[in-house]
Protein backbone atom coordinates (compact mmCIF):
# COMPACT_ATOMS: atom_id res chain seq x y z
CA GLN A 1 1.35 88.39 40.61
CA VAL A 2 4.10 85.96 41.46
CA GLN A 3 5.30 83.08 39.34
CA LEU A 4 7.07 80.18 41.01
CA VAL A 5 9.12 77.65 39.09
CA GLU A 6 10.18 74.46 40.83
CA SER A 7 12.95 72.12 39.80
CA GLY A 8 15.05 69.29 41.13
CA GLY A 9 12.60 66.48 41.70
CA GLY A 10 12.91 62.96 40.43
CA LEU A 11 13.47 59.35 41.42
CA VAL A 12 15.92 58.40 44.13
CA GLN A 13 16.57 55.33 46.25
CA ALA A 14 15.81 55.31 49.93
CA GLY A 15 18.66 56.88 51.86
CA GLY A 16 19.55 59.15 48.99
CA SER A 17 19.32 62.92 48.60
CA LEU A 18 17.63 65.46 46.38
CA ARG A 19 17.59 69.24 46.32
CA LEU A 20 14.50 71.10 45.24
CA SER A 21 14.64 74.68 44.02
CA CYS A 22 11.89 77.24 43.68
CA ALA A 23 12.59 80.45 41.79
CA ALA A 24 10.21 83.35 42.29
CA SER A 25 9.57 86.05 39.72
CA ARG A 26 9.99 88.76 42.35
CA SER A 27 11.39 89.29 45.82
CA ILE A 28 9.38 87.35 48.36
CA SER A 29 9.73 87.51 52.11
CA GLY A 30 8.47 84.16 53.31
CA MET A 31 8.36 80.93 51.34
CA GLY A 32 7.68 77.31 52.06
CA TRP A 33 7.51 73.79 50.74
CA TYR A 34 4.45 71.59 50.98
CA ARG A 35 3.75 68.09 49.75
CA GLN A 36 0.73 66.07 48.80
CA THR A 37 0.00 62.41 48.16
CA PRO A 38 -3.11 61.03 46.43
CA GLY A 39 -6.16 61.22 48.64
CA ASN A 40 -4.47 63.34 51.27
CA GLN A 41 -4.37 67.01 52.10
CA ARG A 42 -1.40 69.13 51.24
CA GLU A 43 0.89 69.35 54.24
CA LEU A 44 3.64 71.70 55.29
CA VAL A 45 7.14 70.33 54.95
CA ALA A 46 9.17 73.41 55.85
CA ASP A 47 9.01 77.17 55.63
CA ILE A 48 11.34 80.10 56.09
CA THR A 49 10.60 83.69 57.01
CA ALA A 50 12.16 86.87 55.70
CA ALA A 51 14.42 86.85 58.74
CA GLY A 52 15.54 83.33 57.98
CA ILE A 53 13.59 81.63 60.75
CA THR A 54 12.81 78.08 59.73
CA ASN A 55 10.07 75.67 60.67
CA TYR A 56 9.86 71.96 59.87
CA ALA A 57 7.32 69.19 60.01
CA ASP A 58 8.29 66.66 62.66
CA SER A 59 8.57 63.95 60.02
CA VAL A 60 11.44 65.73 58.25
CA LYS A 61 13.34 67.34 61.11
CA GLY A 62 17.00 66.46 61.02
CA ARG A 63 16.77 65.24 57.41
CA PHE A 64 15.55 68.24 55.40
CA THR A 65 16.96 71.75 55.32
CA ILE A 66 15.23 74.80 53.87
CA SER A 67 17.27 77.80 52.81
CA LYS A 68 16.94 80.82 50.57
CA ASP A 69 19.04 83.00 48.35
CA ASN A 70 17.54 86.48 48.44
CA ALA A 71 19.66 87.70 45.55
CA LYS A 72 18.18 84.99 43.32
CA ASN A 73 14.66 85.05 44.81
CA THR A 74 15.07 81.30 45.25
CA VAL A 75 14.27 78.90 48.06
CA TYR A 76 15.81 75.47 48.34
CA LEU A 77 14.87 72.26 50.07
CA GLN A 78 17.78 69.91 50.69
CA MET A 79 16.37 66.47 51.37
CA ASN A 80 18.71 63.86 52.85
CA SER A 81 18.12 60.35 54.15
CA LEU A 82 15.03 60.11 52.03
CA LYS A 83 12.40 57.54 52.92
CA THR A 84 9.73 55.91 50.79
CA GLU A 85 7.13 57.86 52.75
CA ASP A 86 8.63 61.10 51.43
CA THR A 87 7.24 60.20 48.02
CA ALA A 88 4.84 62.98 47.04
CA VAL A 89 4.28 65.95 44.80
CA TYR A 90 6.12 68.86 46.35
CA TYR A 91 4.81 72.41 46.00
CA CYS A 92 6.49 75.72 46.62
CA LYS A 93 4.37 78.42 48.23
CA ALA A 94 4.97 82.14 48.57
CA GLY A 95 3.00 84.88 50.22
CA TYR A 96 2.84 88.31 48.62
CA ARG A 97 0.53 91.18 49.43
CA PHE A 98 -1.93 89.06 51.38
CA ALA A 99 -2.20 86.44 48.63
CA ASN A 100 -0.69 82.97 48.41
CA TYR A 101 0.94 81.69 45.27
CA TRP A 102 1.80 78.11 44.42
CA GLY A 103 4.22 76.46 42.08
CA GLN A 104 3.08 73.82 39.62
CA GLY A 105 4.32 70.97 41.78
CA ILE A 106 7.18 68.57 41.27
CA GLN A 107 7.24 64.82 41.75
CA VAL A 108 9.62 63.23 44.23
CA THR A 109 9.65 59.44 44.23
CA VAL A 110 11.70 57.45 46.72
CA SER A 111 12.12 53.79 45.90
CA SER A 112 12.91 51.05 48.40
C-alpha cells in the first residue's frame, strides 16, 4: 500500500505560479501528475522516472517542471505562467509493485 498526500493547490491569477507537492508514504520509483476537468478524462501532465527522466504534455512544456526529492519521497510540480485552461483537479500518481496509487486530488484554479 502507498498513501499519497498532495498539497499546494489554490487560486491564482493567470500568469502566476503555484507549486504542487505529493508526499508518498514509501520510496517510489516513478511518479506523475495528472489533471481532470468536469466531463473530461484524466490526462497526464508530467511524469518522472526513477532515473529522473521527465515527460510533459505538450500543453505544459516550457511552463511546468516536475522534480522529485528521493530523500523525502516527494514529487513536485512547479507551474509557471499559468493559464485559465490549467484550471483542474490535479492528481498525483505512483506505481508500486504493479499497482497504481492515486492521491486525493487538489484543486488548481486560474482566474483571468
